[in-house]
Amino acid sequence: MEKVSQPLEKNYLPVKLYLDDLRAIEETLIEVSARPNIEAGGYRFASLEELTMEIGNHDIAEMEISSSGPHVTIELTRKWARLYVGSSEATSAGLFFKLDEILKHARRRLWFLYSYYLQTVFNMVFIVTWFFHSSIGDLPSKFTLGVWAMWVLWVLVVRLHHHSVIILSSRNAKGSFWIRKKDDIIMLVIGVALGVLGSWVANYFGK
């Protein structure tokens, strides 16, 4: 009796890959296979170096990295991020583990909050709390509602349109602070604004 080899695959919550991550993926694949194929923007590139020369340091949202022997495909799109390795044999399993570590490291900050399952739990808890909250005051409650609504909207926008973000520059490159913190800053500003606006609207029409 012989165990049949099975493909290995994994889907990831929203990711943000920098040039460092792409280089790590390329180097990992070259260790056990030929130089991988890279597809982005409707073109196929022979190497990461060729990609950066042609595209520059612009951000992109879609990329596929593939190689053969063993067969590996990494799909990075606006709606998902997926790793597929065509075999569970020792060499392939080791390659899957290394690539998995790189992609897990590339997940967005607070990546677990982008889970639809967690969002469902949060929504149920918040709705129950909203209907049965104590009478501490309307403003904090409505402000919380605004922040919650903003977060739900942000998760939907990221999951459905910005699931994968590929930044063709190093994490330590000039200007990378804004790139790293952009999501946090935008969420903070929108959350405060939406919360205050929601409270004002509720108070205005509740009179």
N, C-alpha and C. Protein backbone atom coordinates (compact mmCIF):
# COMPACT_ATOMS: atom_id res chain seq x y z
N MET A 1 0.85 -1.20 0.00
CA MET A 1 0.00 0.00 0.00
C MET A 1 0.88 1.25 0.00
N GLU A 2 0.53 2.19 -0.81
CA GLU A 2 1.31 3.42 -0.95
C GLU A 2 0.39 4.63 -0.84
N LYS A 3 0.81 5.60 -0.06
CA LYS A 3 0.01 6.80 0.12
C LYS A 3 0.08 7.66 -1.14
N VAL A 4 -1.06 8.11 -1.59
CA VAL A 4 -1.13 8.93 -2.79
C VAL A 4 -0.79 10.38 -2.45
N SER A 5 0.11 10.95 -3.23
CA SER A 5 0.49 12.34 -3.00
C SER A 5 -0.67 13.27 -3.33
N GLN A 6 -0.92 14.25 -2.46
CA GLN A 6 -2.02 15.20 -2.64
C GLN A 6 -1.46 16.62 -2.78
N PRO A 7 -2.12 17.44 -3.57
CA PRO A 7 -1.66 18.83 -3.68
C PRO A 7 -1.84 19.56 -2.35
N LEU A 8 -1.04 20.58 -2.14
CA LEU A 8 -1.12 21.42 -0.94
C LEU A 8 -1.53 22.82 -1.38
N GLU A 9 -2.49 23.37 -0.71
CA GLU A 9 -2.93 24.72 -1.06
C GLU A 9 -3.43 25.46 0.18
N LYS A 10 -3.37 26.78 0.09
CA LYS A 10 -3.78 27.60 1.22
C LYS A 10 -4.19 28.98 0.71
N ASN A 11 -5.27 29.50 1.27
CA ASN A 11 -5.72 30.86 0.99
C ASN A 11 -5.34 31.76 2.16
N TYR A 12 -5.03 33.01 1.84
CA TYR A 12 -4.56 33.94 2.87
C TYR A 12 -5.49 35.14 2.96
N LEU A 13 -5.64 35.63 4.17
CA LEU A 13 -6.33 36.88 4.38
C LEU A 13 -5.50 38.00 3.76
N PRO A 14 -6.05 39.20 3.59
CA PRO A 14 -5.38 40.26 2.81
C PRO A 14 -3.88 40.41 3.09
N VAL A 15 -3.12 40.53 2.00
CA VAL A 15 -1.66 40.59 2.09
C VAL A 15 -1.14 41.89 1.47
N LYS A 16 0.02 42.29 1.92
CA LYS A 16 0.74 43.43 1.35
C LYS A 16 2.19 43.01 1.21
N LEU A 17 2.60 42.70 -0.02
CA LEU A 17 3.95 42.21 -0.27
C LEU A 17 4.84 43.33 -0.78
N TYR A 18 6.03 43.41 -0.21
CA TYR A 18 7.03 44.35 -0.65
C TYR A 18 8.03 43.63 -1.55
N LEU A 19 8.94 44.39 -2.14
CA LEU A 19 9.95 43.82 -3.01
C LEU A 19 10.78 42.78 -2.26
N ASP A 20 11.00 43.01 -0.97
CA ASP A 20 11.75 42.04 -0.16
C ASP A 20 11.05 40.67 -0.15
N ASP A 21 9.73 40.68 -0.03
CA ASP A 21 8.96 39.43 0.00
C ASP A 21 9.04 38.73 -1.35
N LEU A 22 8.92 39.49 -2.43
CA LEU A 22 8.99 38.90 -3.76
C LEU A 22 10.35 38.29 -4.02
N ARG A 23 11.41 38.95 -3.57
CA ARG A 23 12.75 38.40 -3.72
C ARG A 23 12.92 37.11 -2.93
N ALA A 24 12.34 37.09 -1.72
CA ALA A 24 12.41 35.88 -0.91
C ALA A 24 11.69 34.72 -1.59
N ILE A 25 10.54 35.01 -2.22
CA ILE A 25 9.80 33.97 -2.95
C ILE A 25 10.62 33.47 -4.13
N GLU A 26 11.18 34.41 -4.89
CA GLU A 26 11.97 34.03 -6.07
C GLU A 26 13.17 33.18 -5.67
N GLU A 27 13.89 33.60 -4.63
CA GLU A 27 15.07 32.85 -4.18
C GLU A 27 14.68 31.47 -3.68
N THR A 28 13.57 31.36 -2.99
CA THR A 28 13.11 30.07 -2.48
C THR A 28 12.79 29.11 -3.62
N LEU A 29 12.14 29.61 -4.66
CA LEU A 29 11.80 28.77 -5.80
C LEU A 29 13.04 28.35 -6.59
N ILE A 30 13.98 29.25 -6.73
CA ILE A 30 15.20 28.94 -7.49
C ILE A 30 16.01 27.84 -6.80
N GLU A 31 15.90 27.73 -5.48
CA GLU A 31 16.64 26.71 -4.75
C GLU A 31 16.27 25.30 -5.19
N VAL A 32 15.02 25.08 -5.60
CA VAL A 32 14.57 23.72 -5.92
C VAL A 32 14.05 23.59 -7.35
N SER A 33 14.00 24.69 -8.08
CA SER A 33 13.41 24.64 -9.42
C SER A 33 14.11 25.65 -10.31
N ALA A 34 13.65 25.72 -11.55
CA ALA A 34 14.17 26.73 -12.47
C ALA A 34 13.64 28.10 -12.05
N ARG A 35 14.19 29.14 -12.65
CA ARG A 35 13.72 30.49 -12.34
C ARG A 35 12.22 30.60 -12.64
N PRO A 36 11.43 31.12 -11.71
CA PRO A 36 9.97 31.13 -11.88
C PRO A 36 9.50 32.12 -12.95
N ASN A 37 8.32 31.87 -13.46
CA ASN A 37 7.66 32.82 -14.36
C ASN A 37 6.85 33.79 -13.52
N ILE A 38 6.86 35.04 -13.93
CA ILE A 38 6.11 36.08 -13.22
C ILE A 38 5.20 36.77 -14.22
N GLU A 39 3.92 36.81 -13.94
CA GLU A 39 2.95 37.48 -14.80
C GLU A 39 2.31 38.63 -14.03
N ALA A 40 2.27 39.79 -14.68
CA ALA A 40 1.66 40.97 -14.06
C ALA A 40 1.30 41.95 -15.16
N GLY A 41 0.13 42.57 -15.04
CA GLY A 41 -0.29 43.57 -16.00
C GLY A 41 -0.44 43.06 -17.41
N GLY A 42 -0.73 41.76 -17.56
CA GLY A 42 -0.90 41.20 -18.89
C GLY A 42 0.40 40.82 -19.58
N TYR A 43 1.53 40.85 -18.84
CA TYR A 43 2.83 40.50 -19.41
C TYR A 43 3.49 39.41 -18.58
N ARG A 44 4.38 38.67 -19.22
CA ARG A 44 5.15 37.64 -18.54
C ARG A 44 6.61 38.09 -18.47
N PHE A 45 7.19 37.96 -17.29
CA PHE A 45 8.56 38.39 -17.06
C PHE A 45 9.42 37.19 -16.66
N ALA A 46 10.66 37.20 -17.12
CA ALA A 46 11.57 36.08 -16.84
C ALA A 46 12.15 36.15 -15.44
N SER A 47 12.09 37.32 -14.82
CA SER A 47 12.67 37.48 -13.49
C SER A 47 12.05 38.69 -12.80
N LEU A 48 12.26 38.77 -11.52
CA LEU A 48 11.79 39.92 -10.74
C LEU A 48 12.53 41.19 -11.16
N GLU A 49 13.80 41.02 -11.51
CA GLU A 49 14.60 42.17 -11.96
C GLU A 49 14.01 42.78 -13.23
N GLU A 50 13.60 41.92 -14.17
CA GLU A 50 12.99 42.42 -15.40
C GLU A 50 11.67 43.13 -15.10
N LEU A 51 10.90 42.58 -14.17
CA LEU A 51 9.63 43.19 -13.79
C LEU A 51 9.83 44.61 -13.26
N THR A 52 10.78 44.76 -12.34
CA THR A 52 11.00 46.09 -11.74
C THR A 52 11.58 47.07 -12.75
N MET A 53 12.37 46.58 -13.70
CA MET A 53 12.91 47.46 -14.73
C MET A 53 11.81 47.99 -15.64
N GLU A 54 10.82 47.15 -15.93
CA GLU A 54 9.75 47.55 -16.85
C GLU A 54 8.67 48.36 -16.16
N ILE A 55 8.31 47.98 -14.95
CA ILE A 55 7.19 48.62 -14.26
C ILE A 55 7.65 49.75 -13.33
N GLY A 56 8.87 49.65 -12.83
CA GLY A 56 9.35 50.65 -11.88
C GLY A 56 8.90 50.31 -10.47
N ASN A 57 8.72 51.33 -9.66
CA ASN A 57 8.33 51.07 -8.27
C ASN A 57 6.86 51.34 -8.01
N HIS A 58 6.03 51.19 -9.06
CA HIS A 58 4.60 51.39 -8.89
C HIS A 58 3.97 50.21 -8.15
N ASP A 59 2.90 50.48 -7.41
CA ASP A 59 2.15 49.41 -6.75
C ASP A 59 1.27 48.71 -7.77
N ILE A 60 1.12 47.40 -7.63
CA ILE A 60 0.24 46.63 -8.49
C ILE A 60 -0.65 45.75 -7.63
N ALA A 61 -1.76 45.28 -8.20
CA ALA A 61 -2.74 44.53 -7.41
C ALA A 61 -2.89 43.09 -7.86
N GLU A 62 -2.28 42.73 -9.00
CA GLU A 62 -2.44 41.37 -9.51
C GLU A 62 -1.09 40.83 -9.98
N MET A 63 -0.79 39.61 -9.58
CA MET A 63 0.46 38.96 -9.98
C MET A 63 0.31 37.46 -9.82
N GLU A 64 0.92 36.72 -10.73
CA GLU A 64 0.98 35.27 -10.59
C GLU A 64 2.43 34.83 -10.73
N ILE A 65 2.90 34.05 -9.77
CA ILE A 65 4.26 33.51 -9.79
C ILE A 65 4.14 32.00 -9.87
N SER A 66 4.79 31.41 -10.85
CA SER A 66 4.67 29.96 -11.04
C SER A 66 6.00 29.34 -11.42
N SER A 67 6.14 28.07 -11.11
CA SER A 67 7.33 27.31 -11.50
C SER A 67 6.95 25.84 -11.62
N SER A 68 7.83 25.06 -12.26
CA SER A 68 7.56 23.63 -12.43
C SER A 68 8.69 22.82 -11.80
N GLY A 69 8.36 21.59 -11.40
CA GLY A 69 9.36 20.68 -10.84
C GLY A 69 9.89 21.05 -9.49
N PRO A 70 9.05 21.11 -8.44
CA PRO A 70 7.61 20.82 -8.39
C PRO A 70 6.76 21.99 -8.88
N HIS A 71 5.53 21.66 -9.23
CA HIS A 71 4.61 22.68 -9.72
C HIS A 71 4.16 23.58 -8.57
N VAL A 72 4.36 24.87 -8.74
CA VAL A 72 3.98 25.85 -7.72
C VAL A 72 3.28 27.02 -8.40
N THR A 73 2.20 27.48 -7.80
CA THR A 73 1.52 28.68 -8.28
C THR A 73 1.15 29.56 -7.09
N ILE A 74 1.53 30.82 -7.19
CA ILE A 74 1.12 31.81 -6.19
C ILE A 74 0.27 32.83 -6.92
N GLU A 75 -1.00 32.91 -6.56
CA GLU A 75 -1.93 33.84 -7.17
C GLU A 75 -2.20 35.01 -6.22
N LEU A 76 -1.94 36.20 -6.70
CA LEU A 76 -2.21 37.41 -5.93
C LEU A 76 -3.13 38.27 -6.77
N THR A 77 -4.37 38.41 -6.33
CA THR A 77 -5.36 39.17 -7.10
C THR A 77 -6.06 40.17 -6.18
N ARG A 78 -6.96 40.94 -6.78
CA ARG A 78 -7.72 41.92 -5.99
C ARG A 78 -8.67 41.25 -5.01
N LYS A 79 -9.01 39.96 -5.24
CA LYS A 79 -10.02 39.30 -4.42
C LYS A 79 -9.49 38.13 -3.61
N TRP A 80 -8.27 37.69 -3.86
CA TRP A 80 -7.73 36.60 -3.07
C TRP A 80 -6.22 36.52 -3.19
N ALA A 81 -5.63 35.75 -2.28
CA ALA A 81 -4.20 35.42 -2.31
C ALA A 81 -4.11 33.93 -2.01
N ARG A 82 -3.47 33.17 -2.92
CA ARG A 82 -3.51 31.71 -2.80
C ARG A 82 -2.16 31.10 -3.17
N LEU A 83 -1.79 30.09 -2.41
CA LEU A 83 -0.58 29.31 -2.67
C LEU A 83 -1.00 27.89 -3.02
N TYR A 84 -0.44 27.35 -4.11
CA TYR A 84 -0.74 25.98 -4.54
C TYR A 84 0.56 25.27 -4.88
N VAL A 85 0.77 24.10 -4.28
CA VAL A 85 1.90 23.24 -4.60
C VAL A 85 1.33 21.88 -5.00
N GLY A 86 1.76 21.37 -6.15
CA GLY A 86 1.09 20.21 -6.73
C GLY A 86 1.36 18.86 -6.11
N SER A 87 2.17 18.79 -5.06
CA SER A 87 2.50 17.50 -4.46
C SER A 87 2.75 17.68 -2.97
N SER A 88 2.53 16.60 -2.22
CA SER A 88 2.80 16.63 -0.78
C SER A 88 4.04 15.83 -0.43
N GLU A 89 4.85 15.47 -1.43
CA GLU A 89 6.10 14.77 -1.17
C GLU A 89 7.06 15.68 -0.42
N ALA A 90 8.12 15.09 0.13
CA ALA A 90 8.98 15.81 1.07
C ALA A 90 9.50 17.13 0.52
N THR A 91 10.06 17.10 -0.70
CA THR A 91 10.62 18.32 -1.28
C THR A 91 9.54 19.38 -1.47
N SER A 92 8.40 18.97 -2.01
CA SER A 92 7.30 19.90 -2.25
C SER A 92 6.73 20.44 -0.94
N ALA A 93 6.60 19.55 0.04
CA ALA A 93 6.06 19.98 1.34
C ALA A 93 7.00 20.99 2.00
N GLY A 94 8.31 20.77 1.88
CA GLY A 94 9.27 21.72 2.44
C GLY A 94 9.19 23.07 1.74
N LEU A 95 9.00 23.04 0.42
CA LEU A 95 8.86 24.27 -0.35
C LEU A 95 7.58 25.00 0.06
N PHE A 96 6.52 24.25 0.22
CA PHE A 96 5.24 24.83 0.65
C PHE A 96 5.40 25.53 2.00
N PHE A 97 6.09 24.90 2.91
CA PHE A 97 6.30 25.48 4.24
C PHE A 97 7.06 26.80 4.15
N LYS A 98 8.12 26.84 3.35
CA LYS A 98 8.92 28.07 3.22
C LYS A 98 8.11 29.21 2.60
N LEU A 99 7.38 28.89 1.54
CA LEU A 99 6.56 29.92 0.89
C LEU A 99 5.42 30.38 1.80
N ASP A 100 4.87 29.45 2.54
CA ASP A 100 3.80 29.77 3.49
C ASP A 100 4.29 30.77 4.54
N GLU A 101 5.51 30.58 5.02
CA GLU A 101 6.06 31.51 6.01
C GLU A 101 6.20 32.92 5.44
N ILE A 102 6.63 33.01 4.18
CA ILE A 102 6.78 34.33 3.55
C ILE A 102 5.43 35.01 3.40
N LEU A 103 4.44 34.28 2.94
CA LEU A 103 3.11 34.86 2.72
C LEU A 103 2.41 35.20 4.04
N LYS A 104 2.62 34.39 5.06
CA LYS A 104 2.04 34.73 6.37
C LYS A 104 2.66 36.00 6.92
N HIS A 105 3.95 36.17 6.70
CA HIS A 105 4.64 37.38 7.15
C HIS A 105 4.12 38.62 6.41
N ALA A 106 3.61 38.41 5.18
CA ALA A 106 3.15 39.53 4.35
C ALA A 106 1.70 39.91 4.61
N ARG A 107 1.02 39.20 5.50
CA ARG A 107 -0.37 39.56 5.77
C ARG A 107 -0.46 40.96 6.38
N ARG A 108 -1.56 41.63 6.12
CA ARG A 108 -1.74 42.99 6.63
C ARG A 108 -1.71 43.02 8.16
N ARG A 109 -1.40 44.17 8.67
CA ARG A 109 -1.44 44.37 10.12
C ARG A 109 -2.84 44.05 10.64
N LEU A 110 -2.93 43.35 11.76
CA LEU A 110 -4.21 42.92 12.33
C LEU A 110 -5.00 42.10 11.31
N TRP A 111 -4.29 41.22 10.61
CA TRP A 111 -4.89 40.45 9.52
C TRP A 111 -6.11 39.64 9.95
N PHE A 112 -6.13 39.18 11.19
CA PHE A 112 -7.23 38.33 11.65
C PHE A 112 -8.55 39.08 11.68
N LEU A 113 -8.50 40.40 11.78
CA LEU A 113 -9.73 41.18 11.81
C LEU A 113 -10.42 41.24 10.45
N TYR A 114 -9.73 40.79 9.40
CA TYR A 114 -10.31 40.78 8.06
C TYR A 114 -11.07 39.48 7.77
N SER A 115 -11.13 38.59 8.74
CA SER A 115 -11.85 37.33 8.55
C SER A 115 -13.35 37.56 8.53
N TYR A 116 -14.04 36.99 7.54
CA TYR A 116 -15.49 37.11 7.48
C TYR A 116 -16.14 36.43 8.69
N TYR A 117 -15.53 35.34 9.15
CA TYR A 117 -16.09 34.64 10.31
C TYR A 117 -16.02 35.54 11.55
N LEU A 118 -14.88 36.19 11.75
CA LEU A 118 -14.73 37.07 12.90
C LEU A 118 -15.65 38.27 12.77
N GLN A 119 -15.79 38.78 11.54
CA GLN A 119 -16.70 39.90 11.32
C GLN A 119 -18.14 39.52 11.67
N THR A 120 -18.53 38.30 11.35
CA THR A 120 -19.88 37.83 11.67
C THR A 120 -20.10 37.80 13.17
N VAL A 121 -19.10 37.30 13.90
CA VAL A 121 -19.19 37.25 15.36
C VAL A 121 -19.28 38.67 15.92
N PHE A 122 -18.40 39.57 15.45
CA PHE A 122 -18.42 40.96 15.91
C PHE A 122 -19.76 41.61 15.64
N ASN A 123 -20.30 41.37 14.44
CA ASN A 123 -21.58 41.98 14.08
C ASN A 123 -22.70 41.51 15.00
N MET A 124 -22.72 40.21 15.30
CA MET A 124 -23.76 39.67 16.18
C MET A 124 -23.65 40.26 17.58
N VAL A 125 -22.42 40.31 18.09
CA VAL A 125 -22.20 40.86 19.43
C VAL A 125 -22.58 42.33 19.47
N PHE A 126 -22.19 43.08 18.42
CA PHE A 126 -22.46 44.51 18.41
C PHE A 126 -23.96 44.78 18.32
N ILE A 127 -24.66 44.02 17.48
CA ILE A 127 -26.10 44.23 17.32
C ILE A 127 -26.84 43.95 18.63
N VAL A 128 -26.46 42.86 19.30
CA VAL A 128 -27.08 42.54 20.59
C VAL A 128 -26.78 43.63 21.61
N THR A 129 -25.52 44.09 21.63
CA THR A 129 -25.13 45.14 22.58
C THR A 129 -25.87 46.44 22.28
N TRP A 130 -26.04 46.72 20.97
CA TRP A 130 -26.70 47.96 20.57
C TRP A 130 -28.15 48.00 21.06
N PHE A 131 -28.84 46.89 20.97
CA PHE A 131 -30.25 46.86 21.36
C PHE A 131 -30.44 46.81 22.88
N PHE A 132 -29.42 46.29 23.57
CA PHE A 132 -29.58 46.13 25.01
C PHE A 132 -28.56 46.93 25.81
N HIS A 133 -28.00 48.00 25.20
CA HIS A 133 -26.97 48.78 25.89
C HIS A 133 -27.59 49.55 27.06
N SER A 134 -26.76 49.84 28.03
CA SER A 134 -27.22 50.60 29.20
C SER A 134 -27.31 52.07 28.81
N SER A 135 -28.07 52.84 29.57
CA SER A 135 -28.30 54.25 29.25
C SER A 135 -27.17 55.12 29.77
N ILE A 136 -25.95 54.91 29.21
CA ILE A 136 -24.80 55.73 29.60
C ILE A 136 -24.86 57.07 28.90
N GLY A 137 -25.48 57.08 27.75
CA GLY A 137 -25.55 58.30 26.95
C GLY A 137 -25.57 57.93 25.48
N ASP A 138 -26.16 58.81 24.67
CA ASP A 138 -26.31 58.49 23.26
C ASP A 138 -25.03 58.67 22.46
N LEU A 139 -24.23 59.71 22.77
CA LEU A 139 -23.07 60.04 21.95
C LEU A 139 -22.05 58.91 21.88
N PRO A 140 -21.59 58.35 23.02
CA PRO A 140 -20.62 57.26 22.92
C PRO A 140 -21.16 56.08 22.14
N SER A 141 -22.44 55.77 22.32
CA SER A 141 -23.03 54.64 21.64
C SER A 141 -23.08 54.88 20.14
N LYS A 142 -23.49 56.05 19.71
CA LYS A 142 -23.58 56.36 18.29
C LYS A 142 -22.19 56.50 17.68
N PHE A 143 -21.25 57.00 18.44
CA PHE A 143 -19.87 57.09 17.95
C PHE A 143 -19.33 55.69 17.68
N THR A 144 -19.60 54.77 18.62
CA THR A 144 -19.17 53.38 18.43
C THR A 144 -19.83 52.77 17.20
N LEU A 145 -21.10 53.08 16.98
CA LEU A 145 -21.80 52.58 15.80
C LEU A 145 -21.12 53.07 14.53
N GLY A 146 -20.71 54.33 14.51
CA GLY A 146 -20.04 54.88 13.34
C GLY A 146 -18.72 54.19 13.07
N VAL A 147 -17.93 53.97 14.12
CA VAL A 147 -16.64 53.29 13.96
C VAL A 147 -16.85 51.87 13.48
N TRP A 148 -17.83 51.19 14.05
CA TRP A 148 -18.13 49.80 13.64
C TRP A 148 -18.53 49.74 12.17
N ALA A 149 -19.41 50.65 11.74
CA ALA A 149 -19.85 50.67 10.35
C ALA A 149 -18.68 50.95 9.41
N MET A 150 -17.79 51.85 9.81
CA MET A 150 -16.63 52.17 9.00
C MET A 150 -15.72 50.96 8.85
N TRP A 151 -15.53 50.22 9.96
CA TRP A 151 -14.66 49.05 9.90
C TRP A 151 -15.24 47.97 9.00
N VAL A 152 -16.55 47.74 9.10
CA VAL A 152 -17.20 46.75 8.23
C VAL A 152 -17.03 47.14 6.77
N LEU A 153 -17.22 48.42 6.46
CA LEU A 153 -17.07 48.91 5.09
C LEU A 153 -15.63 48.74 4.61
N TRP A 154 -14.67 49.07 5.48
CA TRP A 154 -13.26 48.95 5.12
C TRP A 154 -12.89 47.50 4.82
N VAL A 155 -13.37 46.58 5.65
CA VAL A 155 -13.08 45.16 5.43
C VAL A 155 -13.63 44.70 4.08
N LEU A 156 -14.85 45.13 3.75
CA LEU A 156 -15.45 44.74 2.48
C LEU A 156 -14.67 45.31 1.30
N VAL A 157 -14.24 46.57 1.40
CA VAL A 157 -13.47 47.19 0.33
C VAL A 157 -12.15 46.44 0.12
N VAL A 158 -11.46 46.13 1.22
CA VAL A 158 -10.16 45.43 1.11
C VAL A 158 -10.35 44.02 0.58
N ARG A 159 -11.31 43.28 1.15
CA ARG A 159 -11.50 41.88 0.75
C ARG A 159 -11.96 41.75 -0.70
N LEU A 160 -12.73 42.70 -1.20
CA LEU A 160 -13.31 42.57 -2.54
C LEU A 160 -12.55 43.34 -3.61
N HIS A 161 -11.64 44.24 -3.21
CA HIS A 161 -10.97 45.06 -4.23
C HIS A 161 -9.48 45.26 -4.00
N HIS A 162 -9.02 45.12 -2.77
CA HIS A 162 -7.60 45.35 -2.47
C HIS A 162 -7.03 44.20 -1.64
N HIS A 163 -7.45 42.98 -1.96
CA HIS A 163 -7.01 41.83 -1.16
C HIS A 163 -5.49 41.68 -1.22
N SER A 164 -4.92 41.86 -2.39
CA SER A 164 -3.47 41.77 -2.56
C SER A 164 -2.93 43.12 -3.00
N VAL A 165 -1.93 43.61 -2.30
CA VAL A 165 -1.24 44.84 -2.68
C VAL A 165 0.24 44.49 -2.82
N ILE A 166 0.81 44.77 -3.99
CA ILE A 166 2.20 44.45 -4.25
C ILE A 166 2.96 45.75 -4.43
N ILE A 167 3.90 46.01 -3.56
CA ILE A 167 4.65 47.26 -3.55
C ILE A 167 6.06 46.97 -4.03
N LEU A 168 6.43 47.50 -5.19
CA LEU A 168 7.71 47.18 -5.81
C LEU A 168 8.83 48.07 -5.29
N SER A 169 8.92 48.16 -3.98
CA SER A 169 10.02 48.85 -3.31
C SER A 169 10.24 48.18 -1.96
N SER A 170 11.40 48.41 -1.40
CA SER A 170 11.76 47.77 -0.14
C SER A 170 10.97 48.37 1.02
N ARG A 171 10.80 47.58 2.08
CA ARG A 171 10.14 48.09 3.29
C ARG A 171 10.89 49.28 3.86
N ASN A 172 12.20 49.31 3.68
CA ASN A 172 13.03 50.37 4.26
C ASN A 172 13.26 51.52 3.30
N ALA A 173 12.58 51.51 2.15
CA ALA A 173 12.78 52.57 1.17
C ALA A 173 12.22 53.88 1.69
N LYS A 174 12.73 54.98 1.15
CA LYS A 174 12.25 56.31 1.53
C LYS A 174 10.77 56.42 1.24
N GLY A 175 10.03 56.93 2.18
CA GLY A 175 8.60 57.07 2.00
C GLY A 175 7.81 55.86 2.43
N SER A 176 8.50 54.82 2.89
CA SER A 176 7.78 53.59 3.24
C SER A 176 6.95 53.74 4.52
N PHE A 177 7.25 54.77 5.34
CA PHE A 177 6.46 54.97 6.55
C PHE A 177 5.00 55.19 6.19
N TRP A 178 4.75 56.07 5.20
CA TRP A 178 3.37 56.32 4.78
C TRP A 178 2.74 55.07 4.21
N ILE A 179 3.52 54.29 3.44
CA ILE A 179 2.99 53.06 2.86
C ILE A 179 2.59 52.09 3.95
N ARG A 180 3.44 51.96 4.98
CA ARG A 180 3.15 51.01 6.06
C ARG A 180 1.99 51.48 6.92
N LYS A 181 1.90 52.78 7.15
CA LYS A 181 0.92 53.31 8.10
C LYS A 181 -0.34 53.83 7.43
N LYS A 182 -0.39 53.81 6.10
CA LYS A 182 -1.50 54.42 5.39
C LYS A 182 -2.84 53.86 5.83
N ASP A 183 -2.93 52.55 5.91
CA ASP A 183 -4.20 51.92 6.31
C ASP A 183 -4.63 52.37 7.69
N ASP A 184 -3.68 52.38 8.63
CA ASP A 184 -4.00 52.77 10.01
C ASP A 184 -4.46 54.22 10.08
N ILE A 185 -3.77 55.11 9.36
CA ILE A 185 -4.11 56.53 9.40
C ILE A 185 -5.47 56.77 8.77
N ILE A 186 -5.70 56.17 7.61
CA ILE A 186 -6.98 56.34 6.93
C ILE A 186 -8.13 55.83 7.79
N MET A 187 -7.94 54.66 8.39
CA MET A 187 -8.99 54.09 9.22
C MET A 187 -9.28 54.96 10.42
N LEU A 188 -8.25 55.53 11.03
CA LEU A 188 -8.44 56.39 12.19
C LEU A 188 -9.22 57.65 11.82
N VAL A 189 -8.80 58.30 10.73
CA VAL A 189 -9.45 59.55 10.31
C VAL A 189 -10.90 59.29 9.90
N ILE A 190 -11.12 58.29 9.07
CA ILE A 190 -12.47 57.99 8.62
C ILE A 190 -13.34 57.55 9.79
N GLY A 191 -12.77 56.76 10.69
CA GLY A 191 -13.54 56.29 11.84
C GLY A 191 -14.02 57.44 12.71
N VAL A 192 -13.14 58.38 13.01
CA VAL A 192 -13.52 59.53 13.83
C VAL A 192 -14.57 60.38 13.10
N ALA A 193 -14.31 60.65 11.80
CA ALA A 193 -15.24 61.48 11.03
C ALA A 193 -16.60 60.83 10.90
N LEU A 194 -16.62 59.54 10.60
CA LEU A 194 -17.88 58.84 10.43
C LEU A 194 -18.65 58.73 11.74
N GLY A 195 -17.91 58.53 12.82
CA GLY A 195 -18.55 58.44 14.12
C GLY A 195 -19.20 59.75 14.53
N VAL A 196 -18.48 60.85 14.34
CA VAL A 196 -19.02 62.17 14.69
C VAL A 196 -20.20 62.51 13.79
N LEU A 197 -20.05 62.23 12.48
CA LEU A 197 -21.13 62.53 11.55
C LEU A 197 -22.37 61.69 11.86
N GLY A 198 -22.18 60.41 12.14
CA GLY A 198 -23.30 59.55 12.47
C GLY A 198 -24.02 60.02 13.72
N SER A 199 -23.26 60.47 14.70
CA SER A 199 -23.87 60.97 15.94
C SER A 199 -24.66 62.24 15.68
N TRP A 200 -24.10 63.14 14.85
CA TRP A 200 -24.79 64.39 14.55
C TRP A 200 -26.09 64.14 13.81
N VAL A 201 -26.04 63.24 12.80
CA VAL A 201 -27.24 62.92 12.03
C VAL A 201 -28.31 62.31 12.92
N ALA A 202 -27.90 61.39 13.80
CA ALA A 202 -28.86 60.75 14.68
C ALA A 202 -29.49 61.76 15.63
N ASN A 203 -28.68 62.67 16.17
CA ASN A 203 -29.21 63.68 17.08
C ASN A 203 -30.12 64.67 16.35
N TYR A 204 -29.74 65.01 15.12
CA TYR A 204 -30.51 66.00 14.34
C TYR A 204 -31.90 65.46 14.00
N PHE A 205 -31.96 64.22 13.47
CA PHE A 205 -33.23 63.67 13.08
C PHE A 205 -34.00 63.06 14.24
N GLY A 206 -33.33 62.91 15.38
CA GLY A 206 -34.00 62.35 16.54
C GLY A 206 -34.71 63.38 17.37
N LYS A 207 -34.54 64.65 16.99
CA LYS A 207 -35.20 65.70 17.77
C LYS A 207 -36.71 65.70 17.51
